[in-house]
Amino acid sequence: MIPNRFSQICALLLCAVASACSSDRPVEGSTESAEVTVFTAAKIITMQAERPLATAVAVEDGNIIAVGDVDSIKANLAKHSLKIDRRFDDKIMMPGLIENHLHPTLAGILFPTEFITPYDWQLPGRNIKGVQGRDSYLQRLTQAEAAITDPTEMLISWGYHQYFHGQLTRADIDRISDSRPIIVWQRSFHEIIVNTPALEALGITAEEFAGHPAIDFNDGHFWELGLFAIFPRLAPIVLNPARFNKGVLDGFLHAQMNGITTVADQGSPLFDLEMELNSINSVLHENELPLRMFMVGNGKTLATESYQAALQILDALPQRNSAHVQFLPKQVKLLADGAFYSQLMQMEGGYLDGHEGEWIMPPEDLKAAAQVYWPAGYQLHIHVNGDKGLNEVLKLVENLQAEFPRTDHQTVLHHYGYSGADHAERIAALGISVSANPFYLWALGDKYSETGLGPDRAHYITRLGDLERNGVSVSFHSDLPMAPASPLALAGIAASRITAQGNLLAADERMSVDAALRGITIEAARAIQLQEKIGSIEAGKLADFTILEQDPYLTEPENFKNIGISATVVGGKVYASPE
């Protein structure tokens, strides 16, 4: 049974007779007698409460000036020259899909690698079949090494996960090649395992990093802060401009083929502001990509001297805006605990096998940063994965509110991997919103039930129904490449809670279909304070649309991922979906 079906049908009937609705009228300030394009569709899902459905939208100079049906728009725009564009008459139109947490830099680094992942990936020009099991993984890695003809070329592979592929050490990779440098990048990006030739090629010695808590030299394993410590050795390879730009381009094309029209990079820079900004500008300009690109400054990486000095850099970032990239003013990214894919998130009660989580910014460091950015009026975007990490973040916001009260703080929790039954009320009371990654549940819910968390906790990964019931604004993101940049797939997971193995986990935490679709449109816009410009189809907003082959309200949520994307419209211009 599709939620809200009756109300949607009623709204469609009302739409046919509501020709006098104010949204049909030309938006104030529109130019009379200028040509206006009127796009029609079998159904337009507007995501605005006053008029949830329509069949026509009028666009002038890249902006929406009227929404309704063709007859009402003709009547209200009688002084305009109208061009009726009926190419979408058998399609479904939605607001342009929004990805409010995606990393072009990680795409630049990882998309050029050899993908060996637990599940399938569809990328521009290539489809990757997932593999599971230790033998299958090692066989695929061996085949990738054998396919390289240059004996000096380094092999970098991404997608390894120990729970799907078995434990891997330097000795295992040495057996694949004792001469070719091989780097295995774990699925989380937060850790790598390398062979002996790679250690030699990178100039990494046991003496140099002796005693580092996040480095196991014998196993060739570097994770979290250990990976950051040796990243300067990797940078000349993975940040090579030609290689990097190709990865950034493929990441953007992947987003476009999944119907995305707006992207926000949460946490710029990851490594090097000038390099990353120049690359993204160059790729968007040279390829004329139909994507709106926004960036949120990274409050951790910019604080090389102090958080106070970083604040001055953050304040100046909007001066770096270009025709292709804009920094969102007064917004900053911070990070709490470790990666969900690595089971390094901080969990109350720990893990079944006794291992411990990690902090990216320990609570005292996170507090020091927030006490600079919060009083300066910044919106905090906080990466947090485990319930112990979440408790620290909520305590932080409670203390900040007590010390520096703000009614407009608009704090967003990103990822929201695991939470308890009591957290939704606290989040609602604090006026916090959530940008969640439901892919965690789909990919990891079954496996984490067996390993690390156990079913009582793993079944409640990305607990979102509680948030909807408490009125919390919820949006979704992929954190590309932590998940495919497919907003419809993410919304489908949130509304179905069906895992990769076909299991329904914690049915009471399913979101309604309507809330799930709002999570990739208007609520995704709200999380980055762009709800007045994008996220719904209504007069006065930018003419950004995603054109679908099927109606998501008439599709079972677990099948959202199979809904075809025909095209996107950005600023009133139509772009075919890339192959």
Protein backbone atom coordinates (compact mmCIF):
# COMPACT_ATOMS: atom_id res chain seq x y z
CA MET A 1 0.00 0.00 0.00
CA ILE A 2 1.48 3.39 -0.99
CA PRO A 3 1.24 5.96 1.86
CA ASN A 4 -0.79 9.12 1.15
CA ARG A 5 -2.25 7.62 -2.07
CA PHE A 6 -5.78 8.86 -1.39
CA SER A 7 -4.62 12.38 -0.55
CA GLN A 8 -2.49 12.50 -3.68
CA ILE A 9 -5.41 11.49 -5.92
CA CYS A 10 -7.63 14.10 -4.27
CA ALA A 11 -4.97 16.75 -4.75
CA LEU A 12 -4.69 15.91 -8.44
CA LEU A 13 -8.46 16.33 -8.89
CA LEU A 14 -8.36 19.64 -7.07
CA CYS A 15 -5.47 20.75 -9.23
CA ALA A 16 -7.60 20.47 -12.38
CA VAL A 17 -10.13 22.99 -11.14
CA ALA A 18 -7.87 25.36 -9.22
CA SER A 19 -7.11 27.66 -12.13
CA ALA A 20 -7.39 30.71 -9.92
CA CYS A 21 -4.63 29.57 -7.58
CA SER A 22 -2.12 32.36 -6.92
CA SER A 23 0.81 30.25 -8.12
CA ASP A 24 -0.67 30.42 -11.66
CA ARG A 25 -0.13 34.16 -11.76
CA PRO A 26 3.11 35.63 -13.08
CA VAL A 27 5.67 36.15 -10.36
CA GLU A 28 6.08 39.79 -9.39
CA GLY A 29 8.72 41.48 -11.51
CA SER A 30 8.50 39.11 -14.49
CA THR A 31 8.90 40.76 -17.89
CA GLU A 32 5.67 41.01 -19.84
CA SER A 33 5.84 40.23 -23.59
CA ALA A 34 9.07 38.19 -23.14
CA GLU A 35 8.94 34.61 -24.40
CA VAL A 36 8.07 32.11 -21.71
CA THR A 37 8.56 28.36 -21.98
CA VAL A 38 5.74 26.28 -20.54
CA PHE A 39 6.84 22.72 -19.75
CA THR A 40 4.05 20.20 -19.48
CA ALA A 41 4.15 16.76 -17.89
CA ALA A 42 1.79 13.91 -17.06
CA LYS A 43 2.26 14.91 -13.43
CA ILE A 44 4.34 17.56 -11.70
CA ILE A 45 5.15 16.82 -8.06
CA THR A 46 5.81 20.31 -6.72
CA MET A 47 6.73 19.66 -3.06
CA GLN A 48 4.84 22.76 -2.03
CA ALA A 49 1.94 22.46 0.39
CA GLU A 50 -0.44 24.93 -1.34
CA ARG A 51 -0.33 23.08 -4.65
CA PRO A 52 1.23 19.60 -4.37
CA LEU A 53 0.46 18.62 -7.98
CA ALA A 54 0.29 20.35 -11.35
CA THR A 55 0.61 19.58 -15.06
CA ALA A 56 2.41 22.70 -16.37
CA VAL A 57 5.14 25.10 -15.23
CA ALA A 58 6.09 28.39 -16.86
CA VAL A 59 9.76 29.41 -17.02
CA GLU A 60 11.29 32.76 -17.91
CA ASP A 61 15.01 33.61 -17.76
CA GLY A 62 15.73 30.45 -15.79
CA ASN A 63 13.09 31.14 -13.14
CA ILE A 64 9.64 29.70 -12.46
CA ILE A 65 6.95 32.33 -12.95
CA ALA A 66 3.78 30.21 -12.79
CA VAL A 67 2.63 26.69 -11.90
CA GLY A 68 -0.71 25.06 -12.71
CA ASP A 69 -2.16 23.72 -15.97
CA VAL A 70 -1.77 25.01 -19.52
CA ASP A 71 -5.15 26.75 -19.67
CA SER A 72 -4.73 28.65 -16.40
CA ILE A 73 -1.15 29.64 -17.28
CA LYS A 74 -2.30 30.93 -20.70
CA ALA A 75 -5.03 32.99 -19.03
CA ASN A 76 -2.71 34.49 -16.43
CA LEU A 77 0.19 35.11 -18.82
CA ALA A 78 -1.91 36.49 -21.65
CA LYS A 79 0.53 39.32 -22.37
CA HIS A 80 3.48 36.92 -22.72
CA SER A 81 4.58 35.00 -25.77
CA LEU A 82 4.26 31.37 -24.70
CA LYS A 83 6.16 28.41 -26.08
CA ILE A 84 4.52 25.14 -25.03
CA ASP A 85 7.14 22.39 -24.63
CA ARG A 86 5.37 19.01 -24.51
CA ARG A 87 8.40 16.70 -24.59
CA PHE A 88 7.64 15.52 -21.03
CA ASP A 89 3.93 14.86 -21.55
CA ASP A 90 4.34 11.19 -20.65
CA LYS A 91 6.83 11.81 -17.83
CA ILE A 92 6.80 12.75 -14.16
CA MET A 93 8.45 16.00 -13.13
CA MET A 94 9.91 16.65 -9.69
CA PRO A 95 11.98 19.49 -8.27
CA GLY A 96 15.63 19.03 -9.19
CA LEU A 97 17.10 16.44 -6.84
CA ILE A 98 19.51 17.82 -4.26
CA GLU A 99 22.64 16.18 -2.86
CA ASN A 100 23.61 18.25 0.19
CA HIS A 101 26.66 16.16 1.15
CA LEU A 102 28.90 14.91 -1.63
CA HIS A 103 32.70 15.03 -1.97
CA PRO A 104 34.08 15.86 -5.45
CA THR A 105 37.59 15.53 -3.97
CA LEU A 106 36.99 11.93 -2.93
CA ALA A 107 35.55 11.21 -6.37
CA GLY A 108 38.71 12.72 -7.83
CA ILE A 109 40.86 10.38 -5.76
CA LEU A 110 38.80 7.19 -5.85
CA PHE A 111 36.89 7.12 -9.15
CA PRO A 112 40.09 6.51 -11.18
CA THR A 113 40.92 3.45 -9.03
CA GLU A 114 40.07 -0.20 -9.59
CA PHE A 115 36.65 -0.65 -7.96
CA ILE A 116 36.39 -3.96 -6.08
CA THR A 117 33.34 -3.48 -3.88
CA PRO A 118 30.82 -5.69 -2.07
CA TYR A 119 27.94 -4.40 -4.23
CA ASP A 120 27.44 -3.27 -7.82
CA TRP A 121 28.21 0.26 -9.01
CA GLN A 122 26.95 2.02 -12.14
CA LEU A 123 29.46 4.64 -13.22
CA PRO A 124 29.80 6.71 -16.39
CA GLY A 125 30.94 4.32 -19.08
CA ARG A 126 31.37 1.29 -16.83
CA ASN A 127 29.34 -1.01 -14.62
CA ILE A 128 31.12 -2.81 -11.79
CA LYS A 129 29.91 -6.14 -10.48
CA GLY A 130 30.26 -6.50 -6.71
CA VAL A 131 32.17 -9.38 -5.14
CA GLN A 132 32.02 -10.90 -1.66
CA GLY A 133 34.17 -13.48 0.08
CA ARG A 134 37.92 -13.55 0.64
CA ASP A 135 38.78 -15.82 -2.28
CA SER A 136 36.68 -13.84 -4.75
CA TYR A 137 38.19 -10.57 -3.56
CA LEU A 138 41.78 -11.79 -3.84
CA GLN A 139 41.04 -13.26 -7.26
CA ARG A 140 39.67 -9.92 -8.52
CA LEU A 141 42.66 -8.02 -7.06
CA THR A 142 45.05 -10.51 -8.69
CA GLN A 143 43.31 -10.08 -12.04
CA ALA A 144 43.55 -6.31 -11.76
CA GLU A 145 47.29 -6.55 -11.09
CA ALA A 146 47.86 -8.93 -14.00
CA ALA A 147 46.00 -6.60 -16.39
CA ILE A 148 48.54 -3.80 -15.92
CA THR A 149 51.26 -3.99 -18.57
CA ASP A 150 53.62 -1.35 -17.13
CA PRO A 151 55.65 -3.13 -14.41
CA THR A 152 56.27 0.15 -12.56
CA GLU A 153 52.65 1.35 -12.44
CA MET A 154 51.02 1.48 -9.01
CA LEU A 155 47.72 -0.36 -8.53
CA ILE A 156 45.19 1.43 -6.34
CA SER A 157 41.96 -0.39 -5.57
CA TRP A 158 38.96 0.91 -3.63
CA GLY A 159 36.01 -0.84 -2.01
CA TYR A 160 37.61 -3.44 0.25
CA HIS A 161 35.68 -4.21 3.43
CA GLN A 162 36.94 -6.78 5.90
CA TYR A 163 33.44 -7.94 6.89
CA PHE A 164 32.63 -8.81 3.28
CA HIS A 165 36.10 -9.74 2.00
CA GLY A 166 37.92 -11.15 5.02
CA GLN A 167 40.97 -9.79 6.80
CA LEU A 168 43.76 -8.47 4.59
CA THR A 169 47.38 -7.74 5.50
CA ARG A 170 50.55 -6.53 3.84
CA ALA A 171 51.68 -10.17 3.50
CA ASP A 172 48.49 -11.06 1.58
CA ILE A 173 49.09 -8.26 -0.93
CA ASP A 174 52.81 -9.12 -1.20
CA ARG A 175 51.75 -12.55 -2.41
CA ILE A 176 49.86 -10.90 -5.26
CA SER A 177 52.97 -8.90 -6.19
CA ASP A 178 56.29 -8.40 -4.46
CA SER A 179 57.38 -5.84 -7.05
CA ARG A 180 54.37 -3.71 -7.97
CA PRO A 181 53.20 -1.14 -5.38
CA ILE A 182 49.60 -1.96 -4.43
CA ILE A 183 47.33 0.17 -2.27
CA VAL A 184 44.00 -1.21 -1.07
CA TRP A 185 41.69 1.61 -0.01
CA GLN A 186 39.04 0.52 2.45
CA ARG A 187 35.39 1.20 1.61
CA SER A 188 35.23 4.03 4.14
CA PHE A 189 38.16 5.98 2.62
CA HIS A 190 39.38 6.35 6.20
CA GLU A 191 41.95 3.54 5.96
CA ILE A 192 44.33 1.80 3.58
CA ILE A 193 46.37 -1.42 3.48
CA VAL A 194 49.54 -1.50 1.37
CA ASN A 195 52.17 -4.02 0.30
CA THR A 196 55.91 -3.79 0.85
CA PRO A 197 56.71 -2.26 -2.57
CA ALA A 198 54.14 0.48 -1.83
CA LEU A 199 55.81 1.27 1.52
CA GLU A 200 59.11 1.55 -0.30
CA ALA A 201 57.68 3.65 -3.12
CA LEU A 202 56.10 6.05 -0.62
CA GLY A 203 59.20 6.20 1.57
CA ILE A 204 57.38 5.03 4.70
CA THR A 205 59.53 3.39 7.38
CA ALA A 206 58.69 1.72 10.67
CA GLU A 207 61.08 4.01 12.56
CA GLU A 208 59.46 7.19 11.30
CA PHE A 209 55.98 6.27 12.55
CA ALA A 210 56.90 4.07 15.51
CA GLY A 211 54.27 4.18 18.23
CA HIS A 212 51.58 5.90 16.14
CA PRO A 213 48.24 4.64 17.54
CA ALA A 214 46.56 4.45 14.13
CA ILE A 215 49.36 2.74 12.18
CA ASP A 216 50.23 -0.97 12.09
CA PHE A 217 53.40 -1.04 10.01
CA ASN A 218 53.76 -4.82 10.05
CA ASP A 219 50.33 -5.28 8.46
CA GLY A 220 50.71 -2.20 6.24
CA HIS A 221 47.55 -0.76 7.80
CA PHE A 222 46.94 3.00 8.19
CA TRP A 223 43.60 4.31 9.47
CA GLU A 224 41.94 7.61 10.49
CA LEU A 225 44.68 9.92 11.82
CA GLY A 226 47.30 7.40 10.68
CA LEU A 227 46.11 7.82 7.08
CA PHE A 228 46.20 11.60 7.45
CA ALA A 229 49.78 11.30 8.74
CA ILE A 230 51.03 9.58 5.58
CA PHE A 231 48.72 11.27 3.07
CA PRO A 232 51.40 13.78 1.97
CA ARG A 233 53.29 10.77 0.54
CA LEU A 234 50.19 9.74 -1.44
CA ALA A 235 49.21 13.21 -2.58
CA PRO A 236 51.55 13.49 -5.61
CA ILE A 237 50.00 10.30 -7.00
CA VAL A 238 46.28 10.61 -6.22
CA LEU A 239 46.12 14.37 -6.68
CA ASN A 240 47.89 14.36 -10.05
CA PRO A 241 45.85 16.96 -11.97
CA ALA A 242 44.95 14.86 -15.04
CA ARG A 243 44.02 11.83 -12.96
CA PHE A 244 42.20 13.86 -10.32
CA ASN A 245 40.16 15.96 -12.76
CA LYS A 246 38.99 12.85 -14.59
CA GLY A 247 37.73 11.43 -11.28
CA VAL A 248 35.96 14.69 -10.41
CA LEU A 249 34.28 14.70 -13.83
CA ASP A 250 33.12 11.10 -13.48
CA GLY A 251 31.72 11.90 -10.03
CA PHE A 252 29.70 14.80 -11.41
CA LEU A 253 28.46 12.77 -14.38
CA HIS A 254 27.43 10.02 -11.97
CA ALA A 255 25.41 12.59 -10.01
CA GLN A 256 23.80 13.97 -13.17
CA MET A 257 22.79 10.51 -14.44
CA ASN A 258 20.96 10.03 -11.12
CA GLY A 259 18.89 13.18 -11.56
CA ILE A 260 20.85 15.54 -9.32
CA THR A 261 20.78 19.25 -10.16
CA THR A 262 22.37 20.73 -7.02
CA VAL A 263 25.42 19.51 -5.12
CA ALA A 264 26.95 20.71 -1.85
CA ASP A 265 30.49 19.72 -0.94
CA GLN A 266 30.38 19.30 2.83
CA GLY A 267 33.80 20.25 4.10
CA SER A 268 36.06 22.08 1.68
CA PRO A 269 38.94 21.65 1.56
CA LEU A 270 39.67 18.04 2.43
CA PHE A 271 43.36 18.62 1.74
CA ASP A 272 44.25 21.64 -0.41
CA LEU A 273 41.83 24.51 -0.98
CA GLU A 274 43.50 25.98 -4.07
CA MET A 275 43.93 22.66 -5.83
CA GLU A 276 40.41 21.42 -5.08
CA LEU A 277 38.71 24.69 -5.96
CA ASN A 278 40.66 25.11 -9.20
CA SER A 279 39.89 21.54 -10.24
CA ILE A 280 36.14 21.76 -9.57
CA ASN A 281 35.86 25.11 -11.35
CA SER A 282 37.81 23.78 -14.31
CA VAL A 283 35.79 20.57 -14.64
CA LEU A 284 32.43 22.34 -14.40
CA HIS A 285 33.47 25.05 -16.87
CA GLU A 286 35.18 22.89 -19.49
CA ASN A 287 32.41 20.32 -19.57
CA GLU A 288 29.47 22.73 -19.22
CA LEU A 289 27.90 20.48 -16.61
CA PRO A 290 24.30 21.23 -15.56
CA LEU A 291 24.96 21.25 -11.83
CA ARG A 292 24.72 23.97 -9.23
CA MET A 293 27.79 23.59 -7.03
CA PHE A 294 27.92 24.88 -3.45
CA MET A 295 30.61 24.42 -0.83
CA VAL A 296 30.70 24.43 2.97
CA GLY A 297 34.02 25.36 4.55
CA ASN A 298 35.87 22.73 6.57
CA GLY A 299 36.30 24.10 10.08
CA LYS A 300 38.89 21.44 10.93
CA THR A 301 41.28 21.45 7.99
CA LEU A 302 41.29 25.25 7.74
CA ALA A 303 42.39 25.53 11.40
CA THR A 304 46.10 24.97 10.76
CA GLU A 305 46.93 27.78 13.20
CA SER A 306 43.84 28.17 15.34
CA TYR A 307 40.06 28.13 15.10
CA GLN A 308 40.03 31.90 15.42
CA ALA A 309 42.34 32.17 12.41
CA ALA A 310 40.17 29.64 10.55
CA LEU A 311 37.13 31.84 11.22
CA GLN A 312 38.75 34.67 9.27
CA ILE A 313 39.43 32.31 6.36
CA LEU A 314 35.83 31.05 6.46
CA ASP A 315 34.48 34.60 6.46
CA ALA A 316 36.49 35.33 3.32
CA LEU A 317 35.57 32.17 1.37
CA PRO A 318 32.51 33.69 -0.38
CA GLN A 319 34.92 36.13 -2.02
CA ARG A 320 36.21 33.09 -3.94
CA ASN A 321 32.81 32.50 -5.57
CA SER A 322 32.76 31.99 -9.32
CA ALA A 323 30.17 31.42 -12.02
CA HIS A 324 30.38 27.69 -11.23
CA VAL A 325 31.10 27.38 -7.49
CA GLN A 326 29.67 29.26 -4.54
CA PHE A 327 30.62 28.99 -0.88
CA LEU A 328 27.61 28.98 1.40
CA PRO A 329 28.10 31.90 3.80
CA LYS A 330 28.13 31.33 7.53
CA GLN A 331 28.14 27.54 7.26
CA VAL A 332 30.93 25.29 8.55
CA LYS A 333 31.64 21.56 8.67
CA LEU A 334 32.92 19.83 11.84
CA LEU A 335 33.52 16.15 12.59
CA ALA A 336 32.93 14.07 15.70
CA ASP A 337 33.60 10.31 15.61
CA GLY A 338 35.06 7.80 13.15
CA ALA A 339 33.77 6.09 10.03
CA PHE A 340 30.66 3.91 9.99
CA TYR A 341 32.07 1.62 7.30
CA SER A 342 35.11 0.90 9.45
CA GLN A 343 33.10 0.41 12.66
CA LEU A 344 35.13 3.24 14.14
CA MET A 345 32.09 5.26 15.19
CA GLN A 346 31.87 5.82 18.93
CA MET A 347 29.27 3.46 20.39
CA GLU A 348 27.77 3.46 23.86
CA GLY A 349 28.54 0.02 25.27
CA GLY A 350 31.30 -0.57 22.73
CA TYR A 351 31.46 -3.41 20.20
CA LEU A 352 30.78 -7.11 20.55
CA ASP A 353 34.40 -7.99 19.81
CA GLY A 354 35.76 -5.45 22.28
CA HIS A 355 37.37 -3.01 19.83
CA GLU A 356 36.91 0.71 20.36
CA GLY A 357 35.80 3.57 18.16
CA GLU A 358 37.84 6.62 17.20
CA TRP A 359 37.39 10.36 17.42
CA ILE A 360 38.19 12.53 14.41
CA MET A 361 37.75 15.58 16.63
CA PRO A 362 37.77 14.55 20.31
CA PRO A 363 34.97 16.17 22.33
CA GLU A 364 37.24 18.83 23.83
CA ASP A 365 38.51 19.76 20.35
CA LEU A 366 35.00 19.82 18.90
CA LYS A 367 33.95 22.09 21.77
CA ALA A 368 36.88 24.44 21.17
CA ALA A 369 35.94 24.77 17.49
CA ALA A 370 32.21 25.23 18.14
CA GLN A 371 32.86 27.91 20.75
CA VAL A 372 34.47 29.99 18.01
CA TYR A 373 32.08 29.33 15.12
CA TRP A 374 28.76 29.29 17.00
CA PRO A 375 29.00 32.80 18.57
CA ALA A 376 30.07 34.10 15.14
CA GLY A 377 26.66 33.08 13.79
CA TYR A 378 27.75 30.01 11.83
CA GLN A 379 25.47 27.09 11.03
CA LEU A 380 27.23 23.92 12.22
CA HIS A 381 27.20 20.83 9.99
CA ILE A 382 28.50 18.03 12.23
CA HIS A 383 29.60 14.59 11.01
CA VAL A 384 28.49 12.09 13.66
CA ASN A 385 27.97 8.33 13.36
CA GLY A 386 27.61 6.48 16.67
CA ASP A 387 25.28 7.05 19.62
CA LYS A 388 28.18 7.90 21.92
CA GLY A 389 29.31 10.49 19.40
CA LEU A 390 25.73 11.73 19.12
CA ASN A 391 25.44 12.15 22.89
CA GLU A 392 28.56 14.30 22.88
CA VAL A 393 27.26 16.44 20.02
CA LEU A 394 23.85 16.97 21.63
CA LYS A 395 25.49 17.87 24.92
CA LEU A 396 27.67 20.33 23.02
CA VAL A 397 24.67 22.04 21.40
CA GLU A 398 22.82 22.16 24.73
CA ASN A 399 25.81 23.88 26.35
CA LEU A 400 26.24 26.28 23.44
CA GLN A 401 22.59 27.27 23.67
CA ALA A 402 22.95 27.90 27.38
CA GLU A 403 26.08 30.01 26.92
CA PHE A 404 25.28 31.71 23.58
CA PRO A 405 21.51 31.39 22.95
CA ARG A 406 20.53 31.33 19.27
CA THR A 407 17.11 30.73 17.75
CA ASP A 408 18.55 30.50 14.24
CA HIS A 409 21.44 28.05 14.70
CA GLN A 410 20.04 25.46 12.21
CA THR A 411 22.59 22.83 13.25
CA VAL A 412 22.60 19.74 11.01
CA LEU A 413 23.73 16.26 12.05
CA HIS A 414 25.29 14.47 9.09
CA HIS A 415 25.28 10.68 8.56
CA TYR A 416 23.35 9.85 11.76
CA GLY A 417 24.44 6.21 11.60
CA TYR A 418 23.17 4.91 14.92
CA SER A 419 20.97 6.59 17.51
CA GLY A 420 18.90 5.52 20.48
CA ALA A 421 15.16 5.64 21.07
CA ASP A 422 15.50 8.79 23.20
CA HIS A 423 17.46 10.90 20.73
CA ALA A 424 14.70 12.12 18.40
CA GLU A 425 12.93 14.13 21.14
CA ARG A 426 16.21 15.76 22.20
CA ILE A 427 17.05 16.63 18.60
CA ALA A 428 13.60 18.13 18.03
CA ALA A 429 13.75 20.12 21.27
CA LEU A 430 17.11 21.60 20.26
CA GLY A 431 15.89 22.65 16.81
CA ILE A 432 18.43 20.42 15.07
CA SER A 433 17.90 18.82 11.66
CA VAL A 434 19.40 15.65 10.22
CA SER A 435 21.02 14.82 6.89
CA ALA A 436 21.17 11.02 6.99
CA ASN A 437 22.80 8.36 4.84
CA PRO A 438 20.23 5.53 4.60
CA PHE A 439 22.66 3.50 2.48
CA TYR A 440 24.28 2.43 5.77
CA LEU A 441 21.17 0.40 6.56
CA TRP A 442 20.91 -1.12 3.08
CA ALA A 443 24.57 -2.15 2.79
CA LEU A 444 25.52 -2.85 6.40
CA GLY A 445 22.38 -3.68 8.40
CA ASP A 446 22.60 -7.45 7.83
CA LYS A 447 26.38 -7.71 8.19
CA TYR A 448 26.57 -5.56 11.33
CA SER A 449 23.84 -7.71 12.86
CA GLU A 450 26.34 -10.56 12.70
CA THR A 451 29.52 -8.62 13.50
CA GLY A 452 30.28 -5.72 15.78
CA LEU A 453 26.84 -4.43 16.73
CA GLY A 454 24.45 -7.38 16.92
CA PRO A 455 20.83 -7.33 15.70
CA ASP A 456 19.38 -5.24 18.54
CA ARG A 457 21.46 -2.28 17.40
CA ALA A 458 22.15 -3.02 13.72
CA HIS A 459 18.45 -3.25 12.88
CA TYR A 460 18.09 0.37 14.01
CA ILE A 461 20.83 1.85 11.85
CA THR A 462 19.56 5.21 10.48
CA ARG A 463 16.55 5.41 12.80
CA LEU A 464 14.43 7.91 10.85
CA GLY A 465 10.78 7.17 11.66
CA ASP A 466 11.28 8.61 15.14
CA LEU A 467 12.59 11.83 13.60
CA GLU A 468 9.57 12.19 11.31
CA ARG A 469 7.17 11.57 14.21
CA ASN A 470 8.93 14.29 16.21
CA GLY A 471 8.77 16.84 13.41
CA VAL A 472 12.51 16.93 12.70
CA SER A 473 13.58 18.11 9.25
CA VAL A 474 15.26 15.10 7.59
CA SER A 475 17.20 15.05 4.34
CA PHE A 476 19.41 12.42 2.72
CA HIS A 477 22.87 12.38 1.21
CA SER A 478 25.23 9.87 -0.34
CA ASP A 479 28.53 11.21 1.01
CA LEU A 480 29.79 10.07 -2.41
CA PRO A 481 31.62 7.78 -2.76
CA MET A 482 30.40 6.32 0.54
CA ALA A 483 27.20 5.55 -1.34
CA PRO A 484 26.16 5.97 -4.96
CA ALA A 485 24.88 9.49 -5.58
CA SER A 486 21.31 8.28 -6.16
CA PRO A 487 18.78 10.32 -4.17
CA LEU A 488 15.85 8.18 -5.27
CA ALA A 489 17.58 5.03 -4.02
CA LEU A 490 18.27 6.71 -0.67
CA ALA A 491 14.64 7.86 -0.34
CA GLY A 492 13.49 4.33 -1.17
CA ILE A 493 15.65 2.83 1.57
CA ALA A 494 14.34 5.35 4.11
CA ALA A 495 10.72 4.53 3.21
CA SER A 496 11.15 0.74 2.96
CA ARG A 497 14.05 -0.19 5.30
CA ILE A 498 14.74 -3.14 3.00
CA THR A 499 18.40 -4.21 3.02
CA ALA A 500 20.64 -5.51 0.26
CA GLN A 501 19.76 -9.02 1.41
CA GLY A 502 16.04 -8.27 1.09
CA ASN A 503 15.35 -8.09 4.84
CA LEU A 504 12.99 -5.59 6.46
CA LEU A 505 14.72 -4.15 9.53
CA ALA A 506 12.84 -2.18 12.21
CA ALA A 507 9.66 -1.58 10.23
CA ASP A 508 8.50 1.03 12.74
CA GLU A 509 11.37 3.27 11.63
CA ARG A 510 10.19 3.54 8.03
CA MET A 511 9.50 7.08 6.87
CA SER A 512 6.42 7.97 4.86
CA VAL A 513 6.92 8.14 1.10
CA ASP A 514 6.11 11.85 1.16
CA ALA A 515 8.70 12.59 3.87
CA ALA A 516 11.27 10.50 2.03
CA LEU A 517 10.77 12.43 -1.21
CA ARG A 518 10.89 15.72 0.68
CA GLY A 519 14.24 14.51 1.99
CA ILE A 520 15.80 14.72 -1.48
CA THR A 521 14.10 17.98 -2.46
CA ILE A 522 12.84 20.71 -0.15
CA GLU A 523 14.33 19.38 3.11
CA ALA A 524 17.66 18.80 1.37
CA ALA A 525 17.54 22.45 0.32
CA ARG A 526 16.58 23.56 3.82
CA ALA A 527 19.61 21.85 5.36
CA ILE A 528 21.90 24.19 3.41
CA GLN A 529 19.58 27.23 3.67
CA LEU A 530 18.64 27.25 -0.02
CA GLN A 531 14.93 26.50 0.44
CA GLU A 532 13.97 29.92 -0.92
CA LYS A 533 15.69 29.17 -4.24
CA ILE A 534 15.37 25.44 -4.91
CA GLY A 535 13.70 22.29 -3.57
CA SER A 536 10.14 22.87 -4.77
CA ILE A 537 8.39 23.89 -7.97
CA GLU A 538 6.76 27.23 -7.26
CA ALA A 539 6.79 30.75 -8.63
CA GLY A 540 9.89 32.71 -7.76
CA LYS A 541 12.27 29.74 -7.54
CA LEU A 542 14.91 28.54 -9.96
CA ALA A 543 13.64 26.36 -12.80
CA ASP A 544 15.44 23.15 -11.79
CA PHE A 545 13.57 19.89 -12.44
CA THR A 546 14.25 16.16 -12.59
CA ILE A 547 12.27 14.17 -15.15
CA LEU A 548 11.28 10.64 -14.14
CA GLU A 549 9.98 7.66 -16.12
CA GLN A 550 7.71 6.48 -13.28
CA ASP A 551 5.69 8.09 -10.51
CA PRO A 552 7.39 7.42 -7.16
CA TYR A 553 4.05 7.74 -5.36
CA LEU A 554 2.82 4.76 -7.38
CA THR A 555 6.02 2.74 -6.97
CA GLU A 556 7.01 0.53 -4.06
CA PRO A 557 9.83 2.34 -2.22
CA GLU A 558 12.29 -0.56 -2.57
CA ASN A 559 11.99 -0.06 -6.33
CA PHE A 560 12.72 3.68 -6.31
CA LYS A 561 16.29 2.84 -7.37
CA ASN A 562 14.94 1.45 -10.64
CA ILE A 563 13.00 4.57 -11.63
CA GLY A 564 14.50 5.86 -14.87
CA ILE A 565 15.86 9.40 -15.13
CA SER A 566 14.96 10.86 -18.54
CA ALA A 567 16.57 14.27 -18.19
CA THR A 568 17.26 17.17 -15.89
CA VAL A 569 16.33 20.81 -16.33
CA VAL A 570 18.62 23.42 -14.81
CA GLY A 571 17.75 27.09 -15.11
CA GLY A 572 15.10 26.19 -17.68
CA LYS A 573 17.55 24.37 -19.98
CA VAL A 574 16.99 20.68 -20.72
CA TYR A 575 19.87 18.21 -20.41
CA ALA A 576 19.68 14.55 -21.39
CA SER A 577 20.78 12.07 -18.77
CA PRO A 578 24.35 10.89 -19.53
CA GLU A 579 25.00 7.26 -20.40
